[in-house]
Amino acid sequence: MTLLDAGSSGTAPDGRKVTDVAVGVLVQPDGRYLLAQRPEGKPYEGYWEFPGGKLETGESVEAALVRELHEELGIDVTACERWRTLEHDYPHAYVRLYFCKVTAWNGEPAGREGQALAWQHLPADVAPLLPAAIPVLEWLAAEAV
C-alpha cells in the first residue's frame, strides 16, 4: 500500500490502469464510524469496508462520493472533506482510494444493495476487514489520541 496525494499517475507500477474510488468515512459525534459488508458476487464478498465507489469520467471525488453514498446508503451528504489518499494493489484491480470524512448527512444509512451495515467504535469488532480499510482504522485511532 502506498499513501499518495491526489492527482497521481493513472498507471500502476506494473502498468495496469488505476481505478479511482471515492470512499466515505462516516463519523458520528461520538466517534462511531460506519462499515458496510461487501455484497454477494463481488470480489472480497463478505469483507467489511468503508462505503463508496468508482469515479465516473470527468467526475470529482466529492461528486462521486455524494452519488455513491446516495445510491448505496440512501443518504444525502451535507458535509465532507477529503482526508487521505491511498493506493492498494488487489489481485483484481489496482485502486486509488480517496478517503473523505463525512460528518453530516440527511437520512438514515441503509444497505440499498442488500449489504449489512455496522456502526463501530475502535477497534472494529466485525471481520474480516478489506485490506485497504485497515490503515483507515489506524488513522482514526491516531486522531483519537
N, C-alpha and C. Protein backbone atom coordinates (compact mmCIF):
# COMPACT_ATOMS: atom_id res chain seq x y z
N MET A 1 0.84 -1.18 0.00
CA MET A 1 0.00 0.00 0.00
C MET A 1 0.88 1.24 0.00
N THR A 2 0.43 2.25 -0.70
CA THR A 2 1.18 3.49 -0.80
C THR A 2 0.26 4.65 -0.49
N LEU A 3 0.71 5.56 0.37
CA LEU A 3 -0.05 6.76 0.68
C LEU A 3 0.38 7.82 -0.32
N LEU A 4 -0.60 8.43 -1.01
CA LEU A 4 -0.29 9.39 -2.07
C LEU A 4 -1.13 10.64 -1.96
N ASP A 5 -0.73 11.67 -2.66
CA ASP A 5 -1.55 12.87 -2.82
C ASP A 5 -2.43 12.67 -4.04
N ALA A 6 -3.59 13.33 -4.05
CA ALA A 6 -4.48 13.26 -5.21
C ALA A 6 -3.77 13.79 -6.44
N GLY A 7 -4.14 13.26 -7.59
CA GLY A 7 -3.59 13.73 -8.85
C GLY A 7 -2.39 12.95 -9.32
N SER A 8 -2.17 11.77 -8.75
CA SER A 8 -1.05 10.94 -9.17
C SER A 8 -1.34 10.32 -10.54
N SER A 9 -0.39 9.57 -11.04
CA SER A 9 -0.48 8.94 -12.35
C SER A 9 -1.67 7.99 -12.47
N GLY A 10 -2.16 7.79 -13.70
CA GLY A 10 -3.27 6.89 -13.95
C GLY A 10 -2.82 5.48 -14.25
N THR A 11 -1.52 5.18 -14.08
CA THR A 11 -0.99 3.86 -14.36
C THR A 11 -0.28 3.32 -13.14
N ALA A 12 -0.60 2.08 -12.78
CA ALA A 12 0.03 1.41 -11.64
C ALA A 12 1.48 1.08 -11.98
N PRO A 13 2.30 0.81 -10.96
CA PRO A 13 3.71 0.45 -11.22
C PRO A 13 3.87 -0.72 -12.19
N ASP A 14 2.91 -1.65 -12.22
CA ASP A 14 3.01 -2.80 -13.11
C ASP A 14 2.35 -2.55 -14.47
N GLY A 15 1.91 -1.28 -14.71
CA GLY A 15 1.33 -0.92 -15.99
C GLY A 15 -0.18 -1.02 -16.08
N ARG A 16 -0.81 -1.61 -15.05
CA ARG A 16 -2.28 -1.70 -15.07
C ARG A 16 -2.90 -0.32 -14.88
N LYS A 17 -4.14 -0.20 -15.33
CA LYS A 17 -4.89 1.04 -15.14
C LYS A 17 -5.23 1.19 -13.66
N VAL A 18 -5.15 2.42 -13.16
CA VAL A 18 -5.55 2.72 -11.79
C VAL A 18 -7.04 3.04 -11.79
N THR A 19 -7.78 2.41 -10.89
CA THR A 19 -9.20 2.71 -10.72
C THR A 19 -9.34 3.68 -9.56
N ASP A 20 -9.88 4.87 -9.84
CA ASP A 20 -10.08 5.88 -8.80
C ASP A 20 -11.40 5.63 -8.09
N VAL A 21 -11.37 5.65 -6.76
CA VAL A 21 -12.53 5.33 -5.95
C VAL A 21 -12.70 6.39 -4.85
N ALA A 22 -13.91 6.90 -4.71
CA ALA A 22 -14.26 7.81 -3.61
C ALA A 22 -14.82 6.97 -2.47
N VAL A 23 -14.29 7.18 -1.27
CA VAL A 23 -14.68 6.37 -0.12
C VAL A 23 -15.13 7.28 1.01
N GLY A 24 -16.27 6.96 1.60
CA GLY A 24 -16.82 7.76 2.69
C GLY A 24 -16.52 7.15 4.04
N VAL A 25 -15.90 7.93 4.91
CA VAL A 25 -15.69 7.54 6.30
C VAL A 25 -16.71 8.33 7.10
N LEU A 26 -17.91 7.75 7.26
CA LEU A 26 -18.98 8.41 8.01
C LEU A 26 -18.65 8.34 9.49
N VAL A 27 -18.55 9.52 10.12
CA VAL A 27 -18.16 9.59 11.52
C VAL A 27 -19.24 10.35 12.28
N GLN A 28 -19.71 9.75 13.36
CA GLN A 28 -20.70 10.40 14.22
C GLN A 28 -19.98 11.18 15.33
N PRO A 29 -20.66 12.13 15.96
CA PRO A 29 -20.02 12.93 17.02
C PRO A 29 -19.42 12.10 18.15
N ASP A 30 -19.98 10.92 18.42
CA ASP A 30 -19.44 10.08 19.50
C ASP A 30 -18.27 9.22 19.04
N GLY A 31 -17.81 9.41 17.79
CA GLY A 31 -16.65 8.69 17.28
C GLY A 31 -16.98 7.41 16.55
N ARG A 32 -18.24 6.98 16.55
CA ARG A 32 -18.58 5.77 15.80
C ARG A 32 -18.44 6.03 14.31
N TYR A 33 -18.05 5.00 13.57
CA TYR A 33 -17.89 5.09 12.12
C TYR A 33 -18.64 3.92 11.50
N LEU A 34 -19.01 4.10 10.23
CA LEU A 34 -19.84 3.11 9.54
C LEU A 34 -19.02 2.21 8.63
N LEU A 35 -19.24 0.91 8.76
CA LEU A 35 -18.67 -0.08 7.85
C LEU A 35 -19.81 -0.80 7.14
N ALA A 36 -19.54 -1.20 5.89
CA ALA A 36 -20.51 -1.93 5.09
C ALA A 36 -19.89 -3.26 4.66
N GLN A 37 -20.71 -4.30 4.61
CA GLN A 37 -20.22 -5.60 4.19
C GLN A 37 -20.39 -5.75 2.68
N ARG A 38 -19.32 -6.17 2.02
CA ARG A 38 -19.38 -6.31 0.56
C ARG A 38 -20.40 -7.37 0.18
N PRO A 39 -21.27 -7.04 -0.79
CA PRO A 39 -22.35 -7.96 -1.15
C PRO A 39 -21.87 -9.20 -1.91
N GLU A 40 -22.76 -10.16 -1.95
CA GLU A 40 -22.53 -11.41 -2.67
C GLU A 40 -22.22 -11.13 -4.13
N GLY A 41 -21.27 -11.89 -4.68
CA GLY A 41 -20.94 -11.78 -6.10
C GLY A 41 -19.86 -10.77 -6.42
N LYS A 42 -19.41 -9.99 -5.44
CA LYS A 42 -18.34 -9.01 -5.68
C LYS A 42 -17.03 -9.56 -5.14
N PRO A 43 -15.90 -9.09 -5.70
CA PRO A 43 -14.62 -9.51 -5.12
C PRO A 43 -14.60 -9.20 -3.62
N TYR A 44 -13.99 -10.08 -2.85
CA TYR A 44 -13.92 -9.94 -1.39
C TYR A 44 -15.31 -9.95 -0.76
N GLU A 45 -16.19 -10.73 -1.33
CA GLU A 45 -17.56 -10.89 -0.81
C GLU A 45 -17.51 -11.18 0.70
N GLY A 46 -18.34 -10.47 1.46
CA GLY A 46 -18.43 -10.69 2.90
C GLY A 46 -17.44 -9.88 3.72
N TYR A 47 -16.45 -9.27 3.08
CA TYR A 47 -15.49 -8.44 3.81
C TYR A 47 -16.15 -7.10 4.15
N TRP A 48 -15.68 -6.48 5.22
CA TRP A 48 -16.19 -5.18 5.66
C TRP A 48 -15.31 -4.07 5.13
N GLU A 49 -15.94 -2.97 4.72
CA GLU A 49 -15.24 -1.86 4.10
C GLU A 49 -15.95 -0.55 4.43
N PHE A 50 -15.31 0.54 4.07
CA PHE A 50 -15.95 1.84 4.12
C PHE A 50 -16.69 2.01 2.79
N PRO A 51 -17.92 2.52 2.81
CA PRO A 51 -18.71 2.60 1.58
C PRO A 51 -18.18 3.63 0.59
N GLY A 52 -18.46 3.40 -0.68
CA GLY A 52 -18.05 4.32 -1.74
C GLY A 52 -18.07 3.61 -3.07
N GLY A 53 -17.44 4.23 -4.07
CA GLY A 53 -17.42 3.60 -5.39
C GLY A 53 -16.57 4.37 -6.38
N LYS A 54 -16.51 3.82 -7.57
CA LYS A 54 -15.66 4.35 -8.64
C LYS A 54 -16.10 5.73 -9.11
N LEU A 55 -15.11 6.54 -9.46
CA LEU A 55 -15.38 7.83 -10.09
C LEU A 55 -15.75 7.58 -11.55
N GLU A 56 -16.75 8.29 -12.03
CA GLU A 56 -17.09 8.25 -13.44
C GLU A 56 -16.23 9.28 -14.17
N THR A 57 -16.08 9.14 -15.48
CA THR A 57 -15.26 10.05 -16.28
C THR A 57 -15.68 11.49 -16.04
N GLY A 58 -14.70 12.34 -15.70
CA GLY A 58 -14.94 13.76 -15.50
C GLY A 58 -15.55 14.12 -14.16
N GLU A 59 -15.78 13.14 -13.30
CA GLU A 59 -16.43 13.37 -12.02
C GLU A 59 -15.40 13.68 -10.94
N SER A 60 -15.69 14.64 -10.07
CA SER A 60 -14.79 14.94 -8.96
C SER A 60 -14.97 13.88 -7.87
N VAL A 61 -13.99 13.80 -6.99
CA VAL A 61 -14.07 12.87 -5.87
C VAL A 61 -15.33 13.15 -5.05
N GLU A 62 -15.56 14.42 -4.76
CA GLU A 62 -16.71 14.78 -3.92
C GLU A 62 -18.04 14.44 -4.60
N ALA A 63 -18.15 14.71 -5.90
CA ALA A 63 -19.38 14.38 -6.64
C ALA A 63 -19.60 12.87 -6.66
N ALA A 64 -18.54 12.10 -6.87
CA ALA A 64 -18.66 10.64 -6.88
C ALA A 64 -19.09 10.14 -5.50
N LEU A 65 -18.52 10.72 -4.46
CA LEU A 65 -18.86 10.30 -3.11
C LEU A 65 -20.34 10.56 -2.81
N VAL A 66 -20.81 11.75 -3.14
CA VAL A 66 -22.22 12.10 -2.92
C VAL A 66 -23.12 11.12 -3.68
N ARG A 67 -22.79 10.86 -4.95
CA ARG A 67 -23.59 9.95 -5.77
C ARG A 67 -23.57 8.53 -5.20
N GLU A 68 -22.39 8.03 -4.90
CA GLU A 68 -22.25 6.65 -4.43
C GLU A 68 -22.95 6.44 -3.08
N LEU A 69 -22.80 7.39 -2.15
CA LEU A 69 -23.42 7.21 -0.84
C LEU A 69 -24.95 7.31 -0.93
N HIS A 70 -25.43 8.10 -1.88
CA HIS A 70 -26.88 8.13 -2.10
C HIS A 70 -27.36 6.80 -2.67
N GLU A 71 -26.63 6.29 -3.67
CA GLU A 71 -27.01 5.02 -4.30
C GLU A 71 -26.92 3.85 -3.32
N GLU A 72 -25.82 3.77 -2.56
CA GLU A 72 -25.57 2.63 -1.69
C GLU A 72 -26.32 2.70 -0.36
N LEU A 73 -26.40 3.91 0.21
CA LEU A 73 -26.91 4.06 1.58
C LEU A 73 -28.20 4.86 1.69
N GLY A 74 -28.58 5.55 0.61
CA GLY A 74 -29.80 6.35 0.63
C GLY A 74 -29.67 7.63 1.44
N ILE A 75 -28.46 8.14 1.59
CA ILE A 75 -28.26 9.38 2.34
C ILE A 75 -27.83 10.50 1.40
N ASP A 76 -28.02 11.72 1.86
CA ASP A 76 -27.55 12.90 1.14
C ASP A 76 -26.48 13.57 1.98
N VAL A 77 -25.26 13.55 1.49
CA VAL A 77 -24.12 14.12 2.20
C VAL A 77 -24.25 15.64 2.24
N THR A 78 -24.08 16.22 3.43
CA THR A 78 -24.14 17.68 3.57
C THR A 78 -22.81 18.28 4.04
N ALA A 79 -21.90 17.44 4.56
CA ALA A 79 -20.58 17.93 4.96
C ALA A 79 -19.56 16.81 4.83
N CYS A 80 -18.54 17.07 4.00
CA CYS A 80 -17.45 16.10 3.87
C CYS A 80 -16.18 16.84 3.49
N GLU A 81 -15.05 16.21 3.79
CA GLU A 81 -13.76 16.78 3.40
C GLU A 81 -12.83 15.65 2.99
N ARG A 82 -12.02 15.91 1.96
CA ARG A 82 -11.00 14.92 1.59
C ARG A 82 -10.05 14.79 2.75
N TRP A 83 -9.68 13.55 3.02
CA TRP A 83 -8.90 13.27 4.22
C TRP A 83 -7.54 12.65 3.88
N ARG A 84 -7.55 11.47 3.26
CA ARG A 84 -6.31 10.76 2.93
C ARG A 84 -6.50 10.07 1.58
N THR A 85 -5.37 9.79 0.92
CA THR A 85 -5.39 9.04 -0.34
C THR A 85 -4.43 7.87 -0.20
N LEU A 86 -4.87 6.72 -0.67
CA LEU A 86 -4.09 5.50 -0.54
C LEU A 86 -4.22 4.69 -1.81
N GLU A 87 -3.12 4.11 -2.28
CA GLU A 87 -3.19 3.17 -3.39
C GLU A 87 -3.02 1.77 -2.84
N HIS A 88 -3.81 0.84 -3.39
CA HIS A 88 -3.73 -0.55 -2.96
C HIS A 88 -3.82 -1.46 -4.17
N ASP A 89 -2.97 -2.47 -4.19
CA ASP A 89 -2.92 -3.42 -5.30
C ASP A 89 -3.65 -4.70 -4.89
N TYR A 90 -4.90 -4.82 -5.34
CA TYR A 90 -5.66 -6.05 -5.14
C TYR A 90 -5.41 -6.95 -6.35
N PRO A 91 -5.60 -8.27 -6.21
CA PRO A 91 -5.42 -9.15 -7.36
C PRO A 91 -6.33 -8.79 -8.54
N HIS A 92 -7.54 -8.28 -8.26
CA HIS A 92 -8.50 -7.99 -9.33
C HIS A 92 -8.42 -6.56 -9.83
N ALA A 93 -7.74 -5.64 -9.10
CA ALA A 93 -7.69 -4.24 -9.51
C ALA A 93 -6.66 -3.47 -8.71
N TYR A 94 -6.07 -2.49 -9.35
CA TYR A 94 -5.18 -1.56 -8.66
C TYR A 94 -6.01 -0.30 -8.42
N VAL A 95 -6.21 0.07 -7.16
CA VAL A 95 -7.13 1.15 -6.85
C VAL A 95 -6.42 2.32 -6.16
N ARG A 96 -6.90 3.52 -6.47
CA ARG A 96 -6.50 4.73 -5.75
C ARG A 96 -7.74 5.15 -4.98
N LEU A 97 -7.64 5.10 -3.67
CA LEU A 97 -8.78 5.35 -2.78
C LEU A 97 -8.68 6.74 -2.19
N TYR A 98 -9.68 7.55 -2.47
CA TYR A 98 -9.76 8.90 -1.91
C TYR A 98 -10.71 8.85 -0.72
N PHE A 99 -10.14 8.78 0.48
CA PHE A 99 -10.95 8.71 1.69
C PHE A 99 -11.40 10.11 2.08
N CYS A 100 -12.70 10.25 2.28
CA CYS A 100 -13.29 11.53 2.68
C CYS A 100 -14.02 11.33 3.99
N LYS A 101 -13.76 12.21 4.95
CA LYS A 101 -14.52 12.17 6.20
C LYS A 101 -15.87 12.82 5.94
N VAL A 102 -16.92 12.10 6.27
CA VAL A 102 -18.28 12.59 6.12
C VAL A 102 -18.81 12.81 7.53
N THR A 103 -19.12 14.07 7.86
CA THR A 103 -19.52 14.40 9.23
C THR A 103 -20.98 14.83 9.34
N ALA A 104 -21.65 15.03 8.21
CA ALA A 104 -23.07 15.38 8.25
C ALA A 104 -23.76 14.86 7.00
N TRP A 105 -25.00 14.38 7.20
CA TRP A 105 -25.80 13.85 6.10
C TRP A 105 -27.26 13.87 6.51
N ASN A 106 -28.11 13.83 5.51
CA ASN A 106 -29.55 13.71 5.74
C ASN A 106 -29.96 12.29 5.43
N GLY A 107 -30.82 11.73 6.28
CA GLY A 107 -31.29 10.36 6.10
C GLY A 107 -30.56 9.41 7.01
N GLU A 108 -31.13 8.23 7.14
CA GLU A 108 -30.53 7.17 7.96
C GLU A 108 -29.90 6.15 7.01
N PRO A 109 -28.58 5.89 7.14
CA PRO A 109 -27.95 4.92 6.24
C PRO A 109 -28.64 3.56 6.28
N ALA A 110 -28.88 3.03 5.09
CA ALA A 110 -29.48 1.71 4.94
C ALA A 110 -28.81 1.01 3.75
N GLY A 111 -28.61 -0.28 3.85
CA GLY A 111 -27.96 -1.04 2.77
C GLY A 111 -28.89 -1.23 1.59
N ARG A 112 -28.84 -0.30 0.64
CA ARG A 112 -29.74 -0.34 -0.51
C ARG A 112 -29.36 -1.41 -1.53
N GLU A 113 -28.18 -2.01 -1.38
CA GLU A 113 -27.75 -3.08 -2.29
C GLU A 113 -27.74 -4.42 -1.56
N GLY A 114 -28.47 -4.48 -0.44
CA GLY A 114 -28.54 -5.72 0.33
C GLY A 114 -27.38 -5.94 1.27
N GLN A 115 -26.48 -4.97 1.38
CA GLN A 115 -25.31 -5.14 2.23
C GLN A 115 -25.65 -4.82 3.69
N ALA A 116 -25.01 -5.55 4.59
CA ALA A 116 -25.15 -5.28 6.02
C ALA A 116 -24.34 -4.03 6.35
N LEU A 117 -24.81 -3.28 7.34
CA LEU A 117 -24.10 -2.10 7.83
C LEU A 117 -23.86 -2.26 9.32
N ALA A 118 -22.76 -1.67 9.81
CA ALA A 118 -22.46 -1.75 11.24
C ALA A 118 -21.77 -0.46 11.68
N TRP A 119 -22.36 0.20 12.69
CA TRP A 119 -21.69 1.33 13.33
C TRP A 119 -20.70 0.75 14.32
N GLN A 120 -19.46 1.21 14.26
CA GLN A 120 -18.39 0.63 15.06
C GLN A 120 -17.68 1.69 15.90
N HIS A 121 -17.13 1.24 17.03
CA HIS A 121 -16.17 2.01 17.82
C HIS A 121 -14.83 1.34 17.60
N LEU A 122 -13.74 2.06 17.77
CA LEU A 122 -12.41 1.45 17.68
C LEU A 122 -12.20 0.54 18.88
N PRO A 123 -11.58 -0.61 18.71
CA PRO A 123 -11.28 -1.26 17.43
C PRO A 123 -12.53 -1.90 16.84
N ALA A 124 -12.49 -2.17 15.55
CA ALA A 124 -13.64 -2.78 14.87
C ALA A 124 -13.90 -4.16 15.44
N ASP A 125 -15.18 -4.51 15.59
CA ASP A 125 -15.49 -5.86 16.07
C ASP A 125 -16.19 -6.70 15.00
N VAL A 126 -16.07 -6.27 13.73
CA VAL A 126 -16.54 -7.09 12.61
C VAL A 126 -15.32 -7.57 11.84
N ALA A 127 -15.47 -8.70 11.18
CA ALA A 127 -14.35 -9.27 10.42
C ALA A 127 -14.92 -10.16 9.33
N PRO A 128 -14.16 -10.38 8.28
CA PRO A 128 -12.84 -9.81 8.01
C PRO A 128 -12.95 -8.40 7.44
N LEU A 129 -11.90 -7.63 7.62
CA LEU A 129 -11.84 -6.28 7.07
C LEU A 129 -11.14 -6.31 5.72
N LEU A 130 -11.64 -5.52 4.77
CA LEU A 130 -10.96 -5.37 3.50
C LEU A 130 -9.56 -4.81 3.78
N PRO A 131 -8.50 -5.34 3.15
CA PRO A 131 -7.15 -4.89 3.48
C PRO A 131 -6.95 -3.37 3.46
N ALA A 132 -7.54 -2.66 2.51
CA ALA A 132 -7.35 -1.21 2.43
C ALA A 132 -8.12 -0.46 3.51
N ALA A 133 -9.00 -1.13 4.25
CA ALA A 133 -9.73 -0.48 5.35
C ALA A 133 -8.89 -0.42 6.62
N ILE A 134 -7.93 -1.31 6.75
CA ILE A 134 -7.14 -1.40 7.98
C ILE A 134 -6.36 -0.12 8.27
N PRO A 135 -5.68 0.50 7.28
CA PRO A 135 -4.99 1.76 7.58
C PRO A 135 -5.93 2.86 8.05
N VAL A 136 -7.17 2.85 7.56
CA VAL A 136 -8.14 3.88 7.95
C VAL A 136 -8.41 3.78 9.45
N LEU A 137 -8.55 2.57 9.94
CA LEU A 137 -8.77 2.39 11.37
C LEU A 137 -7.57 2.88 12.18
N GLU A 138 -6.38 2.66 11.64
CA GLU A 138 -5.17 3.17 12.30
C GLU A 138 -5.16 4.70 12.31
N TRP A 139 -5.57 5.32 11.22
CA TRP A 139 -5.62 6.79 11.15
C TRP A 139 -6.63 7.32 12.15
N LEU A 140 -7.80 6.69 12.21
CA LEU A 140 -8.84 7.12 13.16
C LEU A 140 -8.33 6.97 14.60
N ALA A 141 -7.66 5.88 14.88
CA ALA A 141 -7.12 5.66 16.23
C ALA A 141 -6.08 6.71 16.59
N ALA A 142 -5.22 7.05 15.63
CA ALA A 142 -4.17 8.06 15.88
C ALA A 142 -4.79 9.43 16.16
N GLU A 143 -5.88 9.74 15.48
CA GLU A 143 -6.55 11.03 15.70
C GLU A 143 -7.29 11.07 17.02
N ALA A 144 -7.69 9.91 17.54
CA ALA A 144 -8.45 9.83 18.78
C ALA A 144 -7.58 10.00 20.01
N VAL A 145 -6.26 9.94 19.83
CA VAL A 145 -5.33 10.02 20.97
C VAL A 145 -5.21 11.45 21.46
